[in-house]
Amino acid sequence: MQNSPQFEVGDLRRTKDCQARVDQLIAEVVDVMVTNGWDSLEVLEAAEVSLKKRWRSIEADPDPADEVSELSTRPIGDHHPAK
């Protein structure tokens, strides 16, 4: 799987492409952590906490370069995750 976007900003396939790559990376991280002795649920809970922290950090200090890209690629009706 590729490591960089295959579609232009605004192309709805870009979001799906990104989701597929993130899914693959998360699966790899979970596999590594489980192999090293953690329980799958522990790893997923830790990942959830980490992602929420990153989300709050970006909301508190957004990168102006992300605004156009984020708005252009977020699916309609997609909302921030519960905090």
PDB file of N, CA and C in Angstrom:
ATOM      1  N   MET A   1       0.853  -1.184   0.000  1.00  0.00           N
ATOM      2  CA  MET A   1       0.000   0.000   0.000  1.00  0.00           C
ATOM      3  C   MET A   1       0.897   1.246   0.000  1.00  0.00           C
ATOM      4  N   GLN A   2       0.443   2.288  -0.628  1.00  0.00           N
ATOM      5  CA  GLN A   2       1.220   3.521  -0.762  1.00  0.00           C
ATOM      6  C   GLN A   2       1.292   4.281   0.562  1.00  0.00           C
ATOM      7  N   ASN A   3       2.266   5.187   0.647  1.00  0.00           N
ATOM      8  CA  ASN A   3       2.438   6.006   1.837  1.00  0.00           C
ATOM      9  C   ASN A   3       2.036   7.455   1.631  1.00  0.00           C
ATOM     10  N   SER A   4       1.709   7.823   0.403  1.00  0.00           N
ATOM     11  CA  SER A   4       1.330   9.210   0.130  1.00  0.00           C
ATOM     12  C   SER A   4      -0.007   9.227  -0.609  1.00  0.00           C
ATOM     13  N   PRO A   5      -0.697  10.359  -0.562  1.00  0.00           N
ATOM     14  CA  PRO A   5      -2.008  10.439  -1.214  1.00  0.00           C
ATOM     15  C   PRO A   5      -1.925  10.138  -2.713  1.00  0.00           C
ATOM     16  N   GLN A   6      -2.901   9.412  -3.190  1.00  0.00           N
ATOM     17  CA  GLN A   6      -2.966   9.066  -4.606  1.00  0.00           C
ATOM     18  C   GLN A   6      -3.967   9.950  -5.358  1.00  0.00           C
ATOM     19  N   PHE A   7      -4.734  10.754  -4.594  1.00  0.00           N
ATOM     20  CA  PHE A   7      -5.776  11.583  -5.191  1.00  0.00           C
ATOM     21  C   PHE A   7      -5.615  13.026  -4.724  1.00  0.00           C
ATOM     22  N   GLU A   8      -6.100  13.960  -5.521  1.00  0.00           N
ATOM     23  CA  GLU A   8      -6.019  15.384  -5.214  1.00  0.00           C
ATOM     24  C   GLU A   8      -6.966  15.752  -4.069  1.00  0.00           C
ATOM     25  N   VAL A   9      -6.644  16.836  -3.369  1.00  0.00           N
ATOM     26  CA  VAL A   9      -7.527  17.365  -2.322  1.00  0.00           C
ATOM     27  C   VAL A   9      -8.881  17.661  -2.952  1.00  0.00           C
ATOM     28  N   GLY A  10      -9.934  17.226  -2.290  1.00  0.00           N
ATOM     29  CA  GLY A  10     -11.284  17.432  -2.798  1.00  0.00           C
ATOM     30  C   GLY A  10     -11.859  16.187  -3.449  1.00  0.00           C
ATOM     31  N   ASP A  11     -11.014  15.256  -3.848  1.00  0.00           N
ATOM     32  CA  ASP A  11     -11.460  13.984  -4.431  1.00  0.00           C
ATOM     33  C   ASP A  11     -11.903  13.077  -3.284  1.00  0.00           C
ATOM     34  N   LEU A  12     -13.152  12.626  -3.302  1.00  0.00           N
ATOM     35  CA  LEU A  12     -13.685  11.819  -2.212  1.00  0.00           C
ATOM     36  C   LEU A  12     -12.922  10.510  -2.015  1.00  0.00           C
ATOM     37  N   ARG A  13     -12.254  10.032  -3.032  1.00  0.00           N
ATOM     38  CA  ARG A  13     -11.464   8.808  -2.900  1.00  0.00           C
ATOM     39  C   ARG A  13     -10.250   9.012  -1.996  1.00  0.00           C
ATOM     40  N   ARG A  14      -9.829  10.264  -1.855  1.00  0.00           N
ATOM     41  CA  ARG A  14      -8.664  10.569  -1.023  1.00  0.00           C
ATOM     42  C   ARG A  14      -8.899  10.150   0.424  1.00  0.00           C
ATOM     43  N   THR A  15     -10.089  10.434   0.962  1.00  0.00           N
ATOM     44  CA  THR A  15     -10.406  10.071   2.343  1.00  0.00           C
ATOM     45  C   THR A  15     -10.398   8.560   2.523  1.00  0.00           C
ATOM     46  N   LYS A  16     -11.014   7.836   1.598  1.00  0.00           N
ATOM     47  CA  LYS A  16     -11.045   6.367   1.672  1.00  0.00           C
ATOM     48  C   LYS A  16      -9.629   5.802   1.598  1.00  0.00           C
ATOM     49  N   ASP A  17      -8.808   6.380   0.736  1.00  0.00           N
ATOM     50  CA  ASP A  17      -7.426   5.968   0.571  1.00  0.00           C
ATOM     51  C   ASP A  17      -6.657   6.153   1.881  1.00  0.00           C
ATOM     52  N   CYS A  18      -6.846   7.306   2.512  1.00  0.00           N
ATOM     53  CA  CYS A  18      -6.193   7.606   3.785  1.00  0.00           C
ATOM     54  C   CYS A  18      -6.680   6.638   4.867  1.00  0.00           C
ATOM     55  N   GLN A  19      -7.978   6.393   4.923  1.00  0.00           N
ATOM     56  CA  GLN A  19      -8.531   5.475   5.922  1.00  0.00           C
ATOM     57  C   GLN A  19      -7.958   4.074   5.769  1.00  0.00           C
ATOM     58  N   ALA A  20      -7.804   3.618   4.552  1.00  0.00           N
ATOM     59  CA  ALA A  20      -7.254   2.285   4.310  1.00  0.00           C
ATOM     60  C   ALA A  20      -5.811   2.206   4.817  1.00  0.00           C
ATOM     61  N   ARG A  21      -5.024   3.247   4.569  1.00  0.00           N
ATOM     62  CA  ARG A  21      -3.628   3.246   5.025  1.00  0.00           C
ATOM     63  C   ARG A  21      -3.545   3.315   6.541  1.00  0.00           C
ATOM     64  N   VAL A  22      -4.368   4.156   7.168  1.00  0.00           N
ATOM     65  CA  VAL A  22      -4.371   4.256   8.625  1.00  0.00           C
ATOM     66  C   VAL A  22      -4.813   2.926   9.232  1.00  0.00           C
ATOM     67  N   ASP A  23      -5.834   2.294   8.667  1.00  0.00           N
ATOM     68  CA  ASP A  23      -6.277   0.977   9.149  1.00  0.00           C
ATOM     69  C   ASP A  23      -5.129  -0.024   9.124  1.00  0.00           C
ATOM     70  N   GLN A  24      -4.375  -0.020   8.030  1.00  0.00           N
ATOM     71  CA  GLN A  24      -3.255  -0.949   7.902  1.00  0.00           C
ATOM     72  C   GLN A  24      -2.194  -0.665   8.974  1.00  0.00           C
ATOM     73  N   LEU A  25      -1.877   0.600   9.172  1.00  0.00           N
ATOM     74  CA  LEU A  25      -0.866   0.964  10.173  1.00  0.00           C
ATOM     75  C   LEU A  25      -1.315   0.600  11.587  1.00  0.00           C
ATOM     76  N   ILE A  26      -2.584   0.840  11.891  1.00  0.00           N
ATOM     77  CA  ILE A  26      -3.102   0.491  13.216  1.00  0.00           C
ATOM     78  C   ILE A  26      -3.034  -1.016  13.431  1.00  0.00           C
ATOM     79  N   ALA A  27      -3.404  -1.787  12.422  1.00  0.00           N
ATOM     80  CA  ALA A  27      -3.328  -3.250  12.530  1.00  0.00           C
ATOM     81  C   ALA A  27      -1.889  -3.689  12.801  1.00  0.00           C
ATOM     82  N   GLU A  28      -0.932  -3.066  12.133  1.00  0.00           N
ATOM     83  CA  GLU A  28       0.475  -3.394  12.343  1.00  0.00           C
ATOM     84  C   GLU A  28       0.916  -3.058  13.764  1.00  0.00           C
ATOM     85  N   VAL A  29       0.507  -1.890  14.267  1.00  0.00           N
ATOM     86  CA  VAL A  29       0.869  -1.484  15.630  1.00  0.00           C
ATOM     87  C   VAL A  29       0.261  -2.461  16.641  1.00  0.00           C
ATOM     88  N   VAL A  30      -1.001  -2.795  16.468  1.00  0.00           N
ATOM     89  CA  VAL A  30      -1.656  -3.733  17.385  1.00  0.00           C
ATOM     90  C   VAL A  30      -0.918  -5.071  17.373  1.00  0.00           C
ATOM     91  N   ASP A  31      -0.588  -5.564  16.199  1.00  0.00           N
ATOM     92  CA  ASP A  31       0.138  -6.840  16.097  1.00  0.00           C
ATOM     93  C   ASP A  31       1.471  -6.789  16.839  1.00  0.00           C
ATOM     94  N   VAL A  32       2.225  -5.707  16.660  1.00  0.00           N
ATOM     95  CA  VAL A  32       3.521  -5.573  17.331  1.00  0.00           C
ATOM     96  C   VAL A  32       3.337  -5.537  18.843  1.00  0.00           C
ATOM     97  N   MET A  33       2.379  -4.749  19.307  1.00  0.00           N
ATOM     98  CA  MET A  33       2.161  -4.615  20.751  1.00  0.00           C
ATOM     99  C   MET A  33       1.693  -5.930  21.373  1.00  0.00           C
ATOM    100  N   VAL A  34       0.809  -6.633  20.694  1.00  0.00           N
ATOM    101  CA  VAL A  34       0.327  -7.923  21.198  1.00  0.00           C
ATOM    102  C   VAL A  34       1.481  -8.930  21.223  1.00  0.00           C
ATOM    103  N   THR A  35       2.297  -8.919  20.197  1.00  0.00           N
ATOM    104  CA  THR A  35       3.467  -9.805  20.153  1.00  0.00           C
ATOM    105  C   THR A  35       4.407  -9.527  21.325  1.00  0.00           C
ATOM    106  N   ASN A  36       4.453  -8.262  21.754  1.00  0.00           N
ATOM    107  CA  ASN A  36       5.320  -7.877  22.865  1.00  0.00           C
ATOM    108  C   ASN A  36       4.665  -8.032  24.231  1.00  0.00           C
ATOM    109  N   GLY A  37       3.433  -8.585  24.268  1.00  0.00           N
ATOM    110  CA  GLY A  37       2.847  -8.943  25.558  1.00  0.00           C
ATOM    111  C   GLY A  37       1.609  -8.197  25.997  1.00  0.00           C
ATOM    112  N   TRP A  38       1.208  -7.160  25.287  1.00  0.00           N
ATOM    113  CA  TRP A  38      -0.005  -6.455  25.679  1.00  0.00           C
ATOM    114  C   TRP A  38      -1.230  -7.151  25.117  1.00  0.00           C
ATOM    115  N   ASP A  39      -2.357  -6.955  25.773  1.00  0.00           N
ATOM    116  CA  ASP A  39      -3.648  -7.468  25.327  1.00  0.00           C
ATOM    117  C   ASP A  39      -4.196  -6.533  24.239  1.00  0.00           C
ATOM    118  N   SER A  40      -4.888  -7.086  23.268  1.00  0.00           N
ATOM    119  CA  SER A  40      -5.446  -6.273  22.168  1.00  0.00           C
ATOM    120  C   SER A  40      -6.298  -5.119  22.679  1.00  0.00           C
ATOM    121  N   LEU A  41      -7.137  -5.381  23.671  1.00  0.00           N
ATOM    122  CA  LEU A  41      -7.993  -4.309  24.192  1.00  0.00           C
ATOM    123  C   LEU A  41      -7.181  -3.213  24.857  1.00  0.00           C
ATOM    124  N   GLU A  42      -6.109  -3.577  25.549  1.00  0.00           N
ATOM    125  CA  GLU A  42      -5.223  -2.567  26.134  1.00  0.00           C
ATOM    126  C   GLU A  42      -4.654  -1.655  25.052  1.00  0.00           C
ATOM    127  N   VAL A  43      -4.212  -2.267  23.982  1.00  0.00           N
ATOM    128  CA  VAL A  43      -3.596  -1.510  22.884  1.00  0.00           C
ATOM    129  C   VAL A  43      -4.621  -0.580  22.237  1.00  0.00           C
ATOM    130  N   LEU A  44      -5.814  -1.108  21.985  1.00  0.00           N
ATOM    131  CA  LEU A  44      -6.846  -0.277  21.356  1.00  0.00           C
ATOM    132  C   LEU A  44      -7.278   0.872  22.263  1.00  0.00           C
ATOM    133  N   GLU A  45      -7.380   0.614  23.566  1.00  0.00           N
ATOM    134  CA  GLU A  45      -7.730   1.688  24.500  1.00  0.00           C
ATOM    135  C   GLU A  45      -6.626   2.742  24.530  1.00  0.00           C
ATOM    136  N   ALA A  46      -5.370   2.316  24.538  1.00  0.00           N
ATOM    137  CA  ALA A  46      -4.243   3.257  24.526  1.00  0.00           C
ATOM    138  C   ALA A  46      -4.249   4.082  23.242  1.00  0.00           C
ATOM    139  N   ALA A  47      -4.532   3.437  22.123  1.00  0.00           N
ATOM    140  CA  ALA A  47      -4.587   4.158  20.846  1.00  0.00           C
ATOM    141  C   ALA A  47      -5.709   5.185  20.858  1.00  0.00           C
ATOM    142  N   GLU A  48      -6.856   4.814  21.419  1.00  0.00           N
ATOM    143  CA  GLU A  48      -7.986   5.739  21.492  1.00  0.00           C
ATOM    144  C   GLU A  48      -7.618   6.977  22.312  1.00  0.00           C
ATOM    145  N   VAL A  49      -6.985   6.762  23.463  1.00  0.00           N
ATOM    146  CA  VAL A  49      -6.570   7.878  24.312  1.00  0.00           C
ATOM    147  C   VAL A  49      -5.570   8.768  23.570  1.00  0.00           C
ATOM    148  N   SER A  50      -4.627   8.138  22.909  1.00  0.00           N
ATOM    149  CA  SER A  50      -3.618   8.891  22.156  1.00  0.00           C
ATOM    150  C   SER A  50      -4.246   9.729  21.049  1.00  0.00           C
ATOM    151  N   LEU A  51      -5.179   9.129  20.303  1.00  0.00           N
ATOM    152  CA  LEU A  51      -5.835   9.861  19.215  1.00  0.00           C
ATOM    153  C   LEU A  51      -6.658  11.033  19.746  1.00  0.00           C
ATOM    154  N   LYS A  52      -7.343  10.841  20.866  1.00  0.00           N
ATOM    155  CA  LYS A  52      -8.123  11.931  21.452  1.00  0.00           C
ATOM    156  C   LYS A  52      -7.214  13.073  21.889  1.00  0.00           C
ATOM    157  N   LYS A  53      -6.047  12.734  22.465  1.00  0.00           N
ATOM    158  CA  LYS A  53      -5.090  13.776  22.862  1.00  0.00           C
ATOM    159  C   LYS A  53      -4.619  14.558  21.642  1.00  0.00           C
ATOM    160  N   ARG A  54      -4.306  13.850  20.574  1.00  0.00           N
ATOM    161  CA  ARG A  54      -3.852  14.524  19.347  1.00  0.00           C
ATOM    162  C   ARG A  54      -4.960  15.411  18.782  1.00  0.00           C
ATOM    163  N   TRP A  55      -6.185  14.917  18.806  1.00  0.00           N
ATOM    164  CA  TRP A  55      -7.318  15.683  18.285  1.00  0.00           C
ATOM    165  C   TRP A  55      -7.463  16.986  19.070  1.00  0.00           C
ATOM    166  N   ARG A  56      -7.412  16.879  20.417  1.00  0.00           N
ATOM    167  CA  ARG A  56      -7.536  18.081  21.257  1.00  0.00           C
ATOM    168  C   ARG A  56      -6.381  19.040  21.004  1.00  0.00           C
ATOM    169  N   SER A  57      -5.191  18.527  20.831  1.00  0.00           N
ATOM    170  CA  SER A  57      -4.019  19.360  20.571  1.00  0.00           C
ATOM    171  C   SER A  57      -4.183  20.138  19.269  1.00  0.00           C
ATOM    172  N   ILE A  58      -4.662  19.468  18.245  1.00  0.00           N
ATOM    173  CA  ILE A  58      -4.862  20.131  16.949  1.00  0.00           C
ATOM    174  C   ILE A  58      -5.992  21.152  17.042  1.00  0.00           C
ATOM    175  N   GLU A  59      -7.045  20.835  17.792  1.00  0.00           N
ATOM    176  CA  GLU A  59      -8.136  21.807  17.959  1.00  0.00           C
ATOM    177  C   GLU A  59      -7.657  23.040  18.716  1.00  0.00           C
ATOM    178  N   ALA A  60      -6.761  22.845  19.691  1.00  0.00           N
ATOM    179  CA  ALA A  60      -6.266  23.954  20.496  1.00  0.00           C
ATOM    180  C   ALA A  60      -5.289  24.828  19.709  1.00  0.00           C
ATOM    181  N   ASP A  61      -4.516  24.229  18.814  1.00  0.00           N
ATOM    182  CA  ASP A  61      -3.523  24.963  18.046  1.00  0.00           C
ATOM    183  C   ASP A  61      -3.488  24.410  16.623  1.00  0.00           C
ATOM    184  N   PRO A  62      -4.506  24.744  15.822  1.00  0.00           N
ATOM    185  CA  PRO A  62      -4.572  24.188  14.468  1.00  0.00           C
ATOM    186  C   PRO A  62      -3.462  24.697  13.557  1.00  0.00           C
ATOM    187  N   ASP A  63      -3.087  23.848  12.642  1.00  0.00           N
ATOM    188  CA  ASP A  63      -2.109  24.216  11.615  1.00  0.00           C
ATOM    189  C   ASP A  63      -2.896  24.815  10.455  1.00  0.00           C
ATOM    190  N   PRO A  64      -2.666  26.094  10.119  1.00  0.00           N
ATOM    191  CA  PRO A  64      -3.431  26.728   9.030  1.00  0.00           C
ATOM    192  C   PRO A  64      -3.348  25.955   7.716  1.00  0.00           C
ATOM    193  N   ALA A  65      -2.261  25.268   7.463  1.00  0.00           N
ATOM    194  CA  ALA A  65      -2.114  24.508   6.217  1.00  0.00           C
ATOM    195  C   ALA A  65      -3.084  23.336   6.159  1.00  0.00           C
ATOM    196  N   ASP A  66      -3.522  22.835   7.319  1.00  0.00           N
ATOM    197  CA  ASP A  66      -4.449  21.700   7.358  1.00  0.00           C
ATOM    198  C   ASP A  66      -5.894  22.091   7.082  1.00  0.00           C
ATOM    199  N   GLU A  67      -6.250  23.342   7.305  1.00  0.00           N
ATOM    200  CA  GLU A  67      -7.650  23.744   7.224  1.00  0.00           C
ATOM    201  C   GLU A  67      -8.277  23.465   5.866  1.00  0.00           C
ATOM    202  N   VAL A  68      -7.654  23.843   4.788  1.00  0.00           N
ATOM    203  CA  VAL A  68      -8.224  23.634   3.463  1.00  0.00           C
ATOM    204  C   VAL A  68      -8.312  22.143   3.169  1.00  0.00           C
ATOM    205  N   SER A  69      -7.256  21.416   3.435  1.00  0.00           N
ATOM    206  CA  SER A  69      -7.225  19.976   3.168  1.00  0.00           C
ATOM    207  C   SER A  69      -8.277  19.253   3.999  1.00  0.00           C
ATOM    208  N   GLU A  70      -8.356  19.556   5.287  1.00  0.00           N
ATOM    209  CA  GLU A  70      -9.287  18.884   6.186  1.00  0.00           C
ATOM    210  C   GLU A  70     -10.728  19.122   5.775  1.00  0.00           C
ATOM    211  N   LEU A  71     -11.073  20.354   5.470  1.00  0.00           N
ATOM    212  CA  LEU A  71     -12.444  20.666   5.087  1.00  0.00           C
ATOM    213  C   LEU A  71     -12.798  20.071   3.740  1.00  0.00           C
ATOM    214  N   SER A  72     -11.826  19.995   2.863  1.00  0.00           N
ATOM    215  CA  SER A  72     -12.080  19.493   1.519  1.00  0.00           C
ATOM    216  C   SER A  72     -12.272  17.991   1.473  1.00  0.00           C
ATOM    217  N   THR A  73     -11.696  17.276   2.445  1.00  0.00           N
ATOM    218  CA  THR A  73     -11.716  15.820   2.365  1.00  0.00           C
ATOM    219  C   THR A  73     -12.616  15.159   3.399  1.00  0.00           C
ATOM    220  N   ARG A  74     -13.146  15.927   4.357  1.00  0.00           N
ATOM    221  CA  ARG A  74     -13.999  15.321   5.375  1.00  0.00           C
ATOM    222  C   ARG A  74     -15.349  14.980   4.763  1.00  0.00           C
ATOM    223  N   PRO A  75     -15.800  13.717   4.897  1.00  0.00           N
ATOM    224  CA  PRO A  75     -17.091  13.335   4.355  1.00  0.00           C
ATOM    225  C   PRO A  75     -18.240  14.146   4.968  1.00  0.00           C
ATOM    226  N   ILE A  76     -19.262  14.392   4.220  1.00  0.00           N
ATOM    227  CA  ILE A  76     -20.427  15.109   4.707  1.00  0.00           C
ATOM    228  C   ILE A  76     -21.023  14.351   5.881  1.00  0.00           C
ATOM    229  N   GLY A  77     -21.348  15.070   6.942  1.00  0.00           N
ATOM    230  CA  GLY A  77     -21.939  14.452   8.121  1.00  0.00           C
ATOM    231  C   GLY A  77     -20.910  13.857   9.061  1.00  0.00           C
ATOM    232  N   ASP A  78     -19.621  13.950   8.720  1.00  0.00           N
ATOM    233  CA  ASP A  78     -18.577  13.421   9.579  1.00  0.00           C
ATOM    234  C   ASP A  78     -18.356  14.430  10.695  1.00  0.00           C
ATOM    235  N   HIS A  79     -18.386  13.958  11.932  1.00  0.00           N
ATOM    236  CA  HIS A  79     -18.272  14.843  13.084  1.00  0.00           C
ATOM    237  C   HIS A  79     -17.051  14.461  13.910  1.00  0.00           C
ATOM    238  N   HIS A  80     -16.652  15.359  14.781  1.00  0.00           N
ATOM    239  CA  HIS A  80     -15.558  15.077  15.701  1.00  0.00           C
ATOM    240  C   HIS A  80     -15.956  13.903  16.571  1.00  0.00           C
ATOM    241  N   PRO A  81     -14.980  13.087  16.969  1.00  0.00           N
ATOM    242  CA  PRO A  81     -15.292  11.954  17.841  1.00  0.00           C
ATOM    243  C   PRO A  81     -15.692  12.443  19.236  1.00  0.00           C
ATOM    244  N   ALA A  82     -16.406  11.619  19.950  1.00  0.00           N
ATOM    245  CA  ALA A  82     -16.820  11.955  21.312  1.00  0.00           C
ATOM    246  C   ALA A  82     -15.582  12.142  22.170  1.00  0.00           C
ATOM    247  N   LYS A  83     -15.642  13.110  23.039  1.00  0.00           N
ATOM    248  CA  LYS A  83     -14.479  13.386  23.908  1.00  0.00           C
ATOM    249  C   LYS A  83     -14.788  12.991  25.317  1.00  0.00           C
TER     250      LYS A  83
END
